[in-house]
C-alpha atoms as a PDB file:
ATOM      1  CA  MET A   1     -12.153 -27.202   1.716  1.00  0.00           C
ATOM      2  CA  SER A   2     -12.904 -27.467  -1.998  1.00  0.00           C
ATOM      3  CA  LEU A   3     -10.853 -24.616  -3.395  1.00  0.00           C
ATOM      4  CA  ARG A   4     -10.507 -23.267  -6.887  1.00  0.00           C
ATOM      5  CA  THR A   5      -9.015 -20.026  -8.152  1.00  0.00           C
ATOM      6  CA  VAL A   6     -10.277 -17.602 -10.747  1.00  0.00           C
ATOM      7  CA  ARG A   7      -8.159 -14.893 -12.382  1.00  0.00           C
ATOM      8  CA  CYS A   8      -9.962 -11.755 -13.524  1.00  0.00           C
ATOM      9  CA  ASP A   9      -8.989  -8.481 -15.112  1.00  0.00           C
ATOM     10  CA  ALA A  10     -10.875  -5.232 -14.545  1.00  0.00           C
ATOM     11  CA  ALA A  11     -13.369  -5.993 -17.321  1.00  0.00           C
ATOM     12  CA  SER A  12     -14.314  -9.450 -16.013  1.00  0.00           C
ATOM     13  CA  LEU A  13     -14.391  -8.658 -12.293  1.00  0.00           C
ATOM     14  CA  ALA A  14     -17.991  -7.360 -12.157  1.00  0.00           C
ATOM     15  CA  PRO A  15     -19.752 -10.659 -11.256  1.00  0.00           C
ATOM     16  CA  TRP A  16     -17.534 -11.002  -8.166  1.00  0.00           C
ATOM     17  CA  VAL A  17     -17.718  -7.407  -6.931  1.00  0.00           C
ATOM     18  CA  PRO A  18     -20.644  -7.899  -4.480  1.00  0.00           C
ATOM     19  CA  GLN A  19     -18.793 -10.744  -2.740  1.00  0.00           C
ATOM     20  CA  LEU A  20     -15.513  -8.797  -2.704  1.00  0.00           C
ATOM     21  CA  ARG A  21     -17.197  -5.776  -1.147  1.00  0.00           C
ATOM     22  CA  ALA A  22     -18.884  -7.958   1.463  1.00  0.00           C
ATOM     23  CA  LEU A  23     -15.542  -9.594   2.257  1.00  0.00           C
ATOM     24  CA  GLU A  24     -13.755  -6.287   2.823  1.00  0.00           C
ATOM     25  CA  ALA A  25     -16.678  -4.756   4.761  1.00  0.00           C
ATOM     26  CA  ALA A  26     -16.188  -7.480   7.382  1.00  0.00           C
ATOM     27  CA  ILE A  27     -12.514  -6.611   7.952  1.00  0.00           C
ATOM     28  CA  GLU A  28     -11.695  -3.821  10.417  1.00  0.00           C
ATOM     29  CA  TYR A  29      -8.386  -2.049  10.988  1.00  0.00           C
ATOM     30  CA  PRO A  30      -7.343  -0.294  14.228  1.00  0.00           C
ATOM     31  CA  LEU A  31      -7.049   3.490  14.400  1.00  0.00           C
ATOM     32  CA  ASP A  32      -5.961   5.990  17.055  1.00  0.00           C
ATOM     33  CA  ASP A  33      -4.292   3.413  19.313  1.00  0.00           C
ATOM     34  CA  GLY A  34      -7.347   1.194  19.161  1.00  0.00           C
ATOM     35  CA  ASN A  35      -9.828   3.912  20.162  1.00  0.00           C
ATOM     36  CA  ASP A  36     -11.592   3.545  16.829  1.00  0.00           C
ATOM     37  CA  ARG A  37     -11.552   1.231  13.846  1.00  0.00           C
ATOM     38  CA  PHE A  38     -12.159   1.629  10.136  1.00  0.00           C
ATOM     39  CA  THR A  39     -13.130  -0.451   7.132  1.00  0.00           C
ATOM     40  CA  LEU A  40     -12.122  -0.041   3.504  1.00  0.00           C
ATOM     41  CA  ASP A  41     -14.498   0.444   0.601  1.00  0.00           C
ATOM     42  CA  HIS A  42     -13.132   0.108  -2.938  1.00  0.00           C
ATOM     43  CA  GLY A  43     -16.351   1.390  -4.473  1.00  0.00           C
ATOM     44  CA  GLN A  44     -18.890   0.103  -6.963  1.00  0.00           C
ATOM     45  CA  SER A  45     -16.350  -1.209  -9.492  1.00  0.00           C
ATOM     46  CA  TYR A  46     -13.812  -2.372  -6.860  1.00  0.00           C
ATOM     47  CA  HIS A  47     -10.951  -2.216  -9.384  1.00  0.00           C
ATOM     48  CA  GLY A  48     -10.849   1.592  -9.791  1.00  0.00           C
ATOM     49  CA  PHE A  49      -8.125   2.188  -7.187  1.00  0.00           C
ATOM     50  CA  PHE A  50      -5.880  -0.438  -8.768  1.00  0.00           C
ATOM     51  CA  SER A  51      -6.639   0.422 -12.395  1.00  0.00           C
ATOM     52  CA  ALA A  52      -5.610   4.024 -11.763  1.00  0.00           C
ATOM     53  CA  MET A  53      -2.039   2.746 -11.213  1.00  0.00           C
ATOM     54  CA  GLY A  54      -1.888   0.399 -14.211  1.00  0.00           C
ATOM     55  CA  GLU A  55      -3.500  -2.663 -15.723  1.00  0.00           C
ATOM     56  CA  SER A  56      -5.068  -4.571 -12.844  1.00  0.00           C
ATOM     57  CA  HIS A  57      -5.581  -8.293 -12.264  1.00  0.00           C
ATOM     58  CA  PHE A  58      -7.243 -10.234  -9.459  1.00  0.00           C
ATOM     59  CA  GLY A  59      -6.772 -13.747  -8.137  1.00  0.00           C
ATOM     60  CA  LEU A  60      -9.930 -14.926  -6.370  1.00  0.00           C
ATOM     61  CA  THR A  61      -9.972 -18.111  -4.309  1.00  0.00           C
ATOM     62  CA  LEU A  62     -13.377 -19.752  -4.127  1.00  0.00           C
ATOM     63  CA  ASP A  63     -14.660 -22.319  -1.687  1.00  0.00           C
ATOM     64  CA  ALA A  64     -17.873 -23.945  -2.908  1.00  0.00           C
ATOM     65  CA  GLY A  65     -18.367 -21.007  -5.258  1.00  0.00           C
ATOM     66  CA  ARG A  66     -17.924 -18.353  -2.552  1.00  0.00           C
ATOM     67  CA  VAL A  67     -15.050 -15.847  -2.570  1.00  0.00           C
ATOM     68  CA  VAL A  68     -12.981 -16.572   0.536  1.00  0.00           C
ATOM     69  CA  ALA A  69      -9.779 -14.748  -0.431  1.00  0.00           C
ATOM     70  CA  SER A  70      -8.516 -12.244  -2.950  1.00  0.00           C
ATOM     71  CA  LEU A  71      -5.228 -10.820  -4.143  1.00  0.00           C
ATOM     72  CA  ALA A  72      -4.791  -7.865  -6.497  1.00  0.00           C
ATOM     73  CA  ALA A  73      -1.887  -7.244  -8.864  1.00  0.00           C
ATOM     74  CA  VAL A  74      -1.095  -4.125 -10.867  1.00  0.00           C
ATOM     75  CA  GLU A  75       1.276  -3.882 -13.802  1.00  0.00           C
ATOM     76  CA  LYS A  76       3.261  -0.690 -13.419  1.00  0.00           C
ATOM     77  CA  ARG A  77       6.679   0.802 -14.006  1.00  0.00           C
ATOM     78  CA  VAL A  78       9.174   1.631 -11.284  1.00  0.00           C
ATOM     79  CA  VAL A  79      12.329   3.731 -11.555  1.00  0.00           C
ATOM     80  CA  LEU A  80      15.761   3.143 -10.057  1.00  0.00           C
ATOM     81  CA  THR A  81      17.814   6.352 -10.048  1.00  0.00           C
ATOM     82  CA  GLY A  82      20.060   6.526 -13.113  1.00  0.00           C
ATOM     83  CA  HIS A  83      18.420   3.601 -14.936  1.00  0.00           C
ATOM     84  CA  PRO A  84      15.555   3.175 -17.412  1.00  0.00           C
ATOM     85  CA  PRO A  85      12.136   2.320 -15.950  1.00  0.00           C
ATOM     86  CA  VAL A  86      11.599  -1.318 -14.989  1.00  0.00           C
ATOM     87  CA  ARG A  87       8.388  -3.289 -15.471  1.00  0.00           C
ATOM     88  CA  ALA A  88       7.010  -4.396 -12.103  1.00  0.00           C
ATOM     89  CA  LEU A  89       4.029  -6.152 -10.598  1.00  0.00           C
ATOM     90  CA  TYR A  90       2.551  -4.590  -7.467  1.00  0.00           C
ATOM     91  CA  LEU A  91       0.846  -7.199  -5.282  1.00  0.00           C
ATOM     92  CA  GLY A  92      -1.588  -6.124  -2.594  1.00  0.00           C
ATOM     93  CA  ASP A  93      -5.043  -6.170  -1.090  1.00  0.00           C
ATOM     94  CA  PHE A  94      -4.747  -9.733   0.178  1.00  0.00           C
ATOM     95  CA  LYS A  95      -7.928 -10.523   2.057  1.00  0.00           C
ATOM     96  CA  ALA A  96      -9.180 -13.755   3.564  1.00  0.00           C
ATOM     97  CA  ALA A  97     -12.510 -14.603   5.140  1.00  0.00           C
ATOM     98  CA  PRO A  98     -12.376 -15.207   8.933  1.00  0.00           C
ATOM     99  CA  THR A  99     -13.124 -18.896   8.338  1.00  0.00           C
ATOM    100  CA  HIS A 100     -10.022 -19.242   6.151  1.00  0.00           C
ATOM    101  CA  ARG A 101      -7.397 -17.259   8.052  1.00  0.00           C
ATOM    102  CA  GLY A 102      -4.353 -18.120  10.100  1.00  0.00           C
ATOM    103  CA  GLY A 103      -0.958 -19.673   9.407  1.00  0.00           C
ATOM    104  CA  VAL A 104      -1.174 -22.866   7.400  1.00  0.00           C
ATOM    105  CA  GLY A 105      -4.802 -22.112   6.613  1.00  0.00           C
ATOM    106  CA  THR A 106      -3.871 -19.136   4.447  1.00  0.00           C
ATOM    107  CA  ARG A 107      -1.052 -20.935   2.622  1.00  0.00           C
ATOM    108  CA  PRO A 108      -3.192 -22.542  -0.109  1.00  0.00           C
ATOM    109  CA  LEU A 109      -5.075 -19.263  -0.576  1.00  0.00           C
ATOM    110  CA  VAL A 110      -1.901 -17.248  -1.149  1.00  0.00           C
ATOM    111  CA  ALA A 111      -0.261 -19.963  -3.242  1.00  0.00           C
ATOM    112  CA  ARG A 112      -3.252 -20.288  -5.535  1.00  0.00           C
ATOM    113  CA  ALA A 113      -3.617 -16.532  -6.034  1.00  0.00           C
ATOM    114  CA  LEU A 114       0.105 -16.060  -6.678  1.00  0.00           C
ATOM    115  CA  ARG A 115       0.150 -18.925  -9.141  1.00  0.00           C
ATOM    116  CA  GLU A 116      -2.737 -17.444 -11.100  1.00  0.00           C
ATOM    117  CA  LEU A 117      -1.251 -13.937 -11.168  1.00  0.00           C
ATOM    118  CA  VAL A 118       2.519 -14.311 -11.222  1.00  0.00           C
ATOM    119  CA  PHE A 119       2.880 -17.299 -13.503  1.00  0.00           C
ATOM    120  CA  ASP A 120       0.630 -15.950 -16.221  1.00  0.00           C
ATOM    121  CA  ARG A 121       2.806 -15.998 -19.371  1.00  0.00           C
ATOM    122  CA  ARG A 122       2.506 -12.246 -19.980  1.00  0.00           C
ATOM    123  CA  LEU A 123       3.008 -11.206 -16.373  1.00  0.00           C
ATOM    124  CA  ARG A 124       6.145 -13.349 -16.094  1.00  0.00           C
ATOM    125  CA  GLN A 125       7.968 -10.618 -18.037  1.00  0.00           C
ATOM    126  CA  THR A 126       8.055  -8.360 -14.972  1.00  0.00           C
ATOM    127  CA  ARG A 127      11.452  -7.667 -13.418  1.00  0.00           C
ATOM    128  CA  LEU A 128      10.231  -6.949  -9.912  1.00  0.00           C
ATOM    129  CA  LEU A 129       7.370  -8.123  -7.715  1.00  0.00           C
ATOM    130  CA  PHE A 130       6.626  -6.098  -4.629  1.00  0.00           C
ATOM    131  CA  GLY A 131       4.017  -5.435  -1.990  1.00  0.00           C
ATOM    132  CA  ALA A 132       3.502  -3.341   1.137  1.00  0.00           C
ATOM    133  CA  ALA A 133       2.493  -4.757   4.519  1.00  0.00           C
ATOM    134  CA  MET A 134       1.241  -2.651   7.407  1.00  0.00           C
ATOM    135  CA  ARG A 135       2.679  -3.555  10.799  1.00  0.00           C
ATOM    136  CA  GLY A 136       0.280  -4.174  13.661  1.00  0.00           C
ATOM    137  CA  ALA A 137       0.763  -5.062  17.314  1.00  0.00           C
ATOM    138  CA  ARG A 138       1.685  -8.642  16.341  1.00  0.00           C
ATOM    139  CA  GLY A 139       3.743  -7.796  13.265  1.00  0.00           C
ATOM    140  CA  ASP A 140       2.581  -7.772   9.658  1.00  0.00           C
ATOM    141  CA  VAL A 141       1.068 -10.334   7.314  1.00  0.00           C
ATOM    142  CA  MET A 142       4.430 -12.101   7.111  1.00  0.00           C
ATOM    143  CA  ARG A 143       3.893 -13.551  10.599  1.00  0.00           C
ATOM    144  CA  SER A 144       1.748 -16.237   8.977  1.00  0.00           C
ATOM    145  CA  ALA A 145       4.447 -17.046   6.394  1.00  0.00           C
ATOM    146  CA  VAL A 146       5.715 -20.209   8.047  1.00  0.00           C
ATOM    147  CA  GLY A 147       7.253 -23.326   6.526  1.00  0.00           C
ATOM    148  CA  ALA A 148       6.893 -23.481   2.751  1.00  0.00           C
ATOM    149  CA  HIS A 149       4.644 -20.425   2.579  1.00  0.00           C
ATOM    150  CA  PRO A 150       5.160 -18.695  -0.821  1.00  0.00           C
ATOM    151  CA  ALA A 151       5.435 -15.269   0.828  1.00  0.00           C
ATOM    152  CA  ARG A 152       8.822 -16.347   2.197  1.00  0.00           C
ATOM    153  CA  LEU A 153      10.242 -15.791  -1.288  1.00  0.00           C
ATOM    154  CA  PHE A 154       9.904 -12.043  -0.677  1.00  0.00           C
ATOM    155  CA  ALA A 155      12.557 -10.092   1.256  1.00  0.00           C
ATOM    156  CA  PRO A 156      12.168  -6.762   3.098  1.00  0.00           C
ATOM    157  CA  TRP A 157      13.577  -3.969   0.918  1.00  0.00           C
ATOM    158  CA  ALA A 158      12.474  -0.968   2.959  1.00  0.00           C
ATOM    159  CA  THR A 159      10.751   0.105   6.152  1.00  0.00           C
ATOM    160  CA  LEU A 160       8.514   3.138   5.762  1.00  0.00           C
ATOM    161  CA  SER A 161       7.207   5.371   8.525  1.00  0.00           C
ATOM    162  CA  LEU A 162       3.649   6.546   7.915  1.00  0.00           C
ATOM    163  CA  PHE A 163       2.589   9.919   9.276  1.00  0.00           C
ATOM    164  CA  PHE A 164      -0.933  11.224   9.898  1.00  0.00           C
ATOM    165  CA  VAL A 165      -0.884  14.971  10.509  1.00  0.00           C
ATOM    166  CA  GLY A 166      -3.705  17.528  10.529  1.00  0.00           C
ATOM    167  CA  ARG A 167      -3.565  21.136   9.367  1.00  0.00           C
ATOM    168  CA  ALA A 168      -3.262  22.584  12.877  1.00  0.00           C
ATOM    169  CA  ALA A 169      -0.067  20.612  13.498  1.00  0.00           C
ATOM    170  CA  TRP A 170       1.392  21.663  10.138  1.00  0.00           C
ATOM    171  CA  SER A 171       0.924  25.311  11.087  1.00  0.00           C
ATOM    172  CA  ARG A 172       3.554  24.806  13.820  1.00  0.00           C
ATOM    173  CA  VAL A 173       6.106  23.108  11.555  1.00  0.00           C
ATOM    174  CA  ARG A 174       9.011  25.181  10.277  1.00  0.00           C
ATOM    175  CA  PRO A 175      10.643  23.871   7.080  1.00  0.00           C
ATOM    176  CA  ARG A 176      14.386  23.881   6.539  1.00  0.00           C
ATOM    177  CA  ALA A 177      16.813  22.848   3.837  1.00  0.00           C
ATOM    178  CA  LEU A 178      17.691  19.180   4.189  1.00  0.00           C
ATOM    179  CA  THR A 179      18.925  16.164   2.280  1.00  0.00           C
ATOM    180  CA  CYS A 180      15.983  13.812   2.250  1.00  0.00           C
ATOM    181  CA  ALA A 181      17.108  11.203  -0.261  1.00  0.00           C
ATOM    182  CA  ALA A 182      20.834  10.458  -0.166  1.00  0.00           C
ATOM    183  CA  GLY A 183      22.109   8.150  -2.911  1.00  0.00           C
ATOM    184  CA  PRO A 184      20.225   6.355  -5.693  1.00  0.00           C
ATOM    185  CA  GLY A 185      16.724   5.307  -4.759  1.00  0.00           C
ATOM    186  CA  LEU A 186      13.848   3.217  -6.046  1.00  0.00           C
ATOM    187  CA  ASP A 187      10.635   5.071  -6.844  1.00  0.00           C
ATOM    188  CA  LEU A 188       7.733   2.627  -6.790  1.00  0.00           C
ATOM    189  CA  SER A 189       5.274   5.458  -7.516  1.00  0.00           C
ATOM    190  CA  PRO A 190       6.884   7.439 -10.368  1.00  0.00           C
ATOM    191  CA  ASP A 191       3.531   8.108 -12.020  1.00  0.00           C
ATOM    192  CA  ALA A 192       1.562   8.989  -8.878  1.00  0.00           C
ATOM    193  CA  PRO A 193       0.166  12.541  -9.093  1.00  0.00           C
ATOM    194  CA  GLU A 194       2.004  14.879  -6.735  1.00  0.00           C
ATOM    195  CA  GLY A 195       0.204  17.192  -4.349  1.00  0.00           C
ATOM    196  CA  LEU A 196      -2.829  16.637  -2.142  1.00  0.00           C
ATOM    197  CA  VAL A 197      -4.495  13.436  -3.314  1.00  0.00           C
ATOM    198  CA  SER A 198      -7.771  11.876  -2.223  1.00  0.00           C
ATOM    199  CA  THR A 199      -8.791   8.281  -2.952  1.00  0.00           C
ATOM    200  CA  GLU A 200     -12.389   8.807  -1.809  1.00  0.00           C
ATOM    201  CA  GLY A 201     -14.742   6.800  -3.991  1.00  0.00           C
ATOM    202  CA  VAL A 202     -12.134   4.261  -5.128  1.00  0.00           C
ATOM    203  CA  LYS A 203     -10.613   3.529  -1.744  1.00  0.00           C
ATOM    204  CA  SER A 204     -12.637   5.102   1.054  1.00  0.00           C
ATOM    205  CA  TYR A 205     -12.023   4.761   4.778  1.00  0.00           C
ATOM    206  CA  ARG A 206     -15.157   4.338   6.901  1.00  0.00           C
ATOM    207  CA  LEU A 207     -15.018   4.903  10.655  1.00  0.00           C
ATOM    208  CA  ARG A 208     -16.793   2.331  12.799  1.00  0.00           C
ATOM    209  CA  SER A 209     -17.626   4.941  15.462  1.00  0.00           C
ATOM    210  CA  THR A 210     -19.671   7.142  13.126  1.00  0.00           C
ATOM    211  CA  GLY A 211     -20.075   5.222   9.883  1.00  0.00           C
ATOM    212  CA  ALA A 212     -18.792   8.339   8.150  1.00  0.00           C
ATOM    213  CA  SER A 213     -15.835   8.685   5.844  1.00  0.00           C
ATOM    214  CA  TRP A 214     -12.448   9.305   7.469  1.00  0.00           C
ATOM    215  CA  PRO A 215     -11.260  12.511   5.727  1.00  0.00           C
ATOM    216  CA  LEU A 216      -7.813  11.235   4.775  1.00  0.00           C
ATOM    217  CA  ARG A 217      -5.750  12.939   2.077  1.00  0.00           C
ATOM    218  CA  HIS A 218      -2.318  11.965   0.843  1.00  0.00           C
ATOM    219  CA  LEU A 219       0.653  14.339   0.742  1.00  0.00           C
ATOM    220  CA  VAL A 220       2.579  13.102  -2.278  1.00  0.00           C
ATOM    221  CA  VAL A 221       6.100  14.565  -2.432  1.00  0.00           C
ATOM    222  CA  ARG A 222       9.019  12.574  -3.819  1.00  0.00           C
ATOM    223  CA  PRO A 223      12.042  12.249  -1.496  1.00  0.00           C
ATOM    224  CA  GLU A 224      14.453  13.609  -4.120  1.00  0.00           C
ATOM    225  CA  THR A 225      12.524  16.899  -4.351  1.00  0.00           C
ATOM    226  CA  PRO A 226      15.142  19.643  -3.622  1.00  0.00           C
ATOM    227  CA  ASP A 227      12.775  21.627  -1.376  1.00  0.00           C
ATOM    228  CA  TYR A 228      11.206  18.524   0.200  1.00  0.00           C
ATOM    229  CA  ALA A 229      10.513  20.059   3.629  1.00  0.00           C
ATOM    230  CA  GLU A 230       8.990  23.229   2.201  1.00  0.00           C
ATOM    231  CA  ALA A 231       6.846  21.280  -0.273  1.00  0.00           C
ATOM    232  CA  LEU A 232       5.582  18.963   2.469  1.00  0.00           C
ATOM    233  CA  VAL A 233       4.635  21.846   4.767  1.00  0.00           C
ATOM    234  CA  ARG A 234       2.947  23.700   1.905  1.00  0.00           C
ATOM    235  CA  LEU A 235       0.743  20.684   1.195  1.00  0.00           C
ATOM    236  CA  GLY A 236      -0.021  20.200   4.888  1.00  0.00           C
ATOM    237  CA  LEU A 237      -1.219  23.790   5.176  1.00  0.00           C
ATOM    238  CA  GLY A 238      -3.553  23.143   2.239  1.00  0.00           C
ATOM    239  CA  LEU A 239      -5.568  20.581   4.190  1.00  0.00           C
ATOM    240  CA  GLY A 240      -9.080  21.363   5.350  1.00  0.00           C
ATOM    241  CA  ASP A 241      -9.639  21.852   9.074  1.00  0.00           C
ATOM    242  CA  ASP A 242     -11.113  18.346   9.498  1.00  0.00           C
ATOM    243  CA  GLU A 243      -8.741  16.563   7.125  1.00  0.00           C
ATOM    244  CA  VAL A 244      -5.751  14.403   7.985  1.00  0.00           C
ATOM    245  CA  GLY A 245      -2.680  14.402   5.752  1.00  0.00           C
ATOM    246  CA  CYS A 246      -0.870  11.089   5.245  1.00  0.00           C
ATOM    247  CA  PHE A 247       2.593  10.471   3.811  1.00  0.00           C
ATOM    248  CA  ALA A 248       5.325   7.836   3.974  1.00  0.00           C
ATOM    249  CA  LEU A 249       9.082   8.155   4.419  1.00  0.00           C
ATOM    250  CA  ASP A 250      11.831   5.539   4.265  1.00  0.00           C
ATOM    251  CA  LEU A 251      13.614   5.158   7.624  1.00  0.00           C
ATOM    252  CA  ARG A 252      16.910   5.620   5.795  1.00  0.00           C
ATOM    253  CA  CYS A 253      15.978   9.239   5.025  1.00  0.00           C
ATOM    254  CA  VAL A 254      17.553  10.161   8.371  1.00  0.00           C
ATOM    255  CA  ASP A 255      17.758  13.951   7.973  1.00  0.00           C
ATOM    256  CA  ALA A 256      14.082  14.222   7.144  1.00  0.00           C
ATOM    257  CA  HIS A 257      13.078  12.011  10.079  1.00  0.00           C
ATOM    258  CA  GLN A 258      15.185  14.110  12.453  1.00  0.00           C
ATOM    259  CA  TRP A 259      13.658  17.323  11.145  1.00  0.00           C
ATOM    260  CA  LEU A 260      10.109  15.971  11.560  1.00  0.00           C
ATOM    261  CA  ALA A 261      10.867  14.757  15.096  1.00  0.00           C
ATOM    262  CA  SER A 262      12.291  18.188  15.993  1.00  0.00           C
ATOM    263  CA  GLN A 263       8.957  19.684  14.915  1.00  0.00           C
ATOM    264  CA  GLY A 264       6.915  17.267  17.008  1.00  0.00           C
ATOM    265  CA  VAL A 265       5.764  15.224  14.013  1.00  0.00           C
ATOM    266  CA  ARG A 266       5.996  11.522  14.757  1.00  0.00           C
ATOM    267  CA  ALA A 267       5.051   8.415  12.819  1.00  0.00           C
ATOM    268  CA  GLY A 268       1.696   6.804  13.464  1.00  0.00           C
ATOM    269  CA  ALA A 269       2.289   3.525  11.637  1.00  0.00           C
ATOM    270  CA  VAL A 270       4.964   1.396  10.000  1.00  0.00           C
ATOM    271  CA  CYS A 271       4.871  -0.296   6.627  1.00  0.00           C
ATOM    272  CA  THR A 272       7.369  -2.783   5.190  1.00  0.00           C
ATOM    273  CA  VAL A 273       7.992  -3.089   1.461  1.00  0.00           C
ATOM    274  CA  TYR A 274       8.691  -6.691   0.485  1.00  0.00           C
ATOM    275  CA  ALA A 275      10.107  -7.480  -2.937  1.00  0.00           C
ATOM    276  CA  LEU A 276      11.289 -10.285  -5.179  1.00  0.00           C
ATOM    277  CA  GLY A 277      13.294  -9.665  -8.316  1.00  0.00           C
ATOM    278  CA  TRP A 278      16.490  -8.285  -9.766  1.00  0.00           C
ATOM    279  CA  LEU A 279      17.752  -4.698 -10.125  1.00  0.00           C
ATOM    280  CA  PRO A 280      21.224  -3.421 -11.148  1.00  0.00           C
ATOM    281  CA  SER A 281      21.820  -2.276  -7.563  1.00  0.00           C
ATOM    282  CA  ARG A 282      19.998  -2.206  -4.235  1.00  0.00           C
ATOM    283  CA  PRO A 283      18.456   1.214  -3.582  1.00  0.00           C
ATOM    284  CA  ALA A 284      19.570   3.513  -0.769  1.00  0.00           C
ATOM    285  CA  TRP A 285      15.911   4.430  -0.210  1.00  0.00           C
ATOM    286  CA  VAL A 286      12.460   3.453  -1.489  1.00  0.00           C
ATOM    287  CA  ASN A 287       9.520   5.706  -2.215  1.00  0.00           C
ATOM    288  CA  LEU A 288       5.934   4.442  -2.216  1.00  0.00           C
ATOM    289  CA  ALA A 289       3.189   7.063  -2.177  1.00  0.00           C
ATOM    290  CA  THR A 290       0.536   6.419   0.469  1.00  0.00           C
ATOM    291  CA  SER A 291      -2.067   7.175  -2.219  1.00  0.00           C
ATOM    292  CA  GLU A 292      -1.041   3.810  -3.738  1.00  0.00           C
ATOM    293  CA  ILE A 293      -0.822   1.699  -0.554  1.00  0.00           C
END
């Protein structure tokens, strides 16, 4: 391999967008217990989903001039209960071409992208680096972090259950008063719009079975909301008949998980938040809106 890495911001990403879109179009993710699969499409500009959260940056690893891996980073603020906002860097969207995947093979790709993004003089001022990894049948992306892999610097800070629930199921759910977020928490999405949120056009989900868009909408309710259960049900009932509502909940929000289970609402996926940095105290819970995962 003859690798080199290029760092781009949103304004300079355009020449690489066709290759990035081709790279992600070749990657499929399982759905419905493997009965279907979907691909992601970040749209014509590619950076729109990331730029909506904050200033976005991209580390692209090239092999003979071809994009074989990418990593996105977003400058954003996060809030620990009772403390001023903290500057953070959200790392995500790591993709590697099939020819450059697997264990040691991905190590130089990740290392190069991290070096370009994290060690930039301006970005070094961030207090927290974090990312979210979806768990599959064989674990998450950390399974390839062996030996001196740079991802081993990150520690798991939270495990989130992800729920996918349609309107018909929400019509059978009865809300109740509950304590969702006990103790001080870390909100990684303090600026995410609340309510029913769609990322169609900037992060679309395409079903392999039909080629059509998967009608996914995000139910964004913060765990510390006093009427959390009622707000969640209200949003769920606002879905269209063919839409699926998605939301995430920290496993440590025990009361809320028990209430959802009692209503027949069960998680469909698991996501781990990995982080590296310093905060005044470790949070009792973490919130990350699915509209930003």
